[in-house]
Amino acid sequence: MTAVAVSKRGTITLPPEIRRQLGLESTDHPMMLVELRDGGVFLHPASAVPVRDIPLNQMLQWIAEDEADAGEFWKKAAAKTTAKRRTPGTRSKSQ
């Protein structure tokens, strides 16, 4: 494990050995995916792929998955809103 400083702007510098192991030095514009996980930050190398190089079936699958996820999100949001309205003892702004 290696400790790295975090600037006031939130910038970190990965040590050269880690950049080499992740293959970040072999590309002109390296990118990382950043995810909060279990109280920490998980970094994963990413790459940009021109849309024209992605098969149509793959794009359609991603769109279907995104639409399903969005549907679940809106169902949960509606359920939370309904639950808040039904919570006893709460007052509306007009009361």
Foldseek 3Di string as FASTA:
>chain_A
DDDWDADPVRDTDDDPVVCVVLVVVVDPDWDWDWDCDPNRIDTHTDDDDPPVPDDPVVVVVVVVVVVVVVVVVVVVVVVVVVVVVPDPPDDDPVD
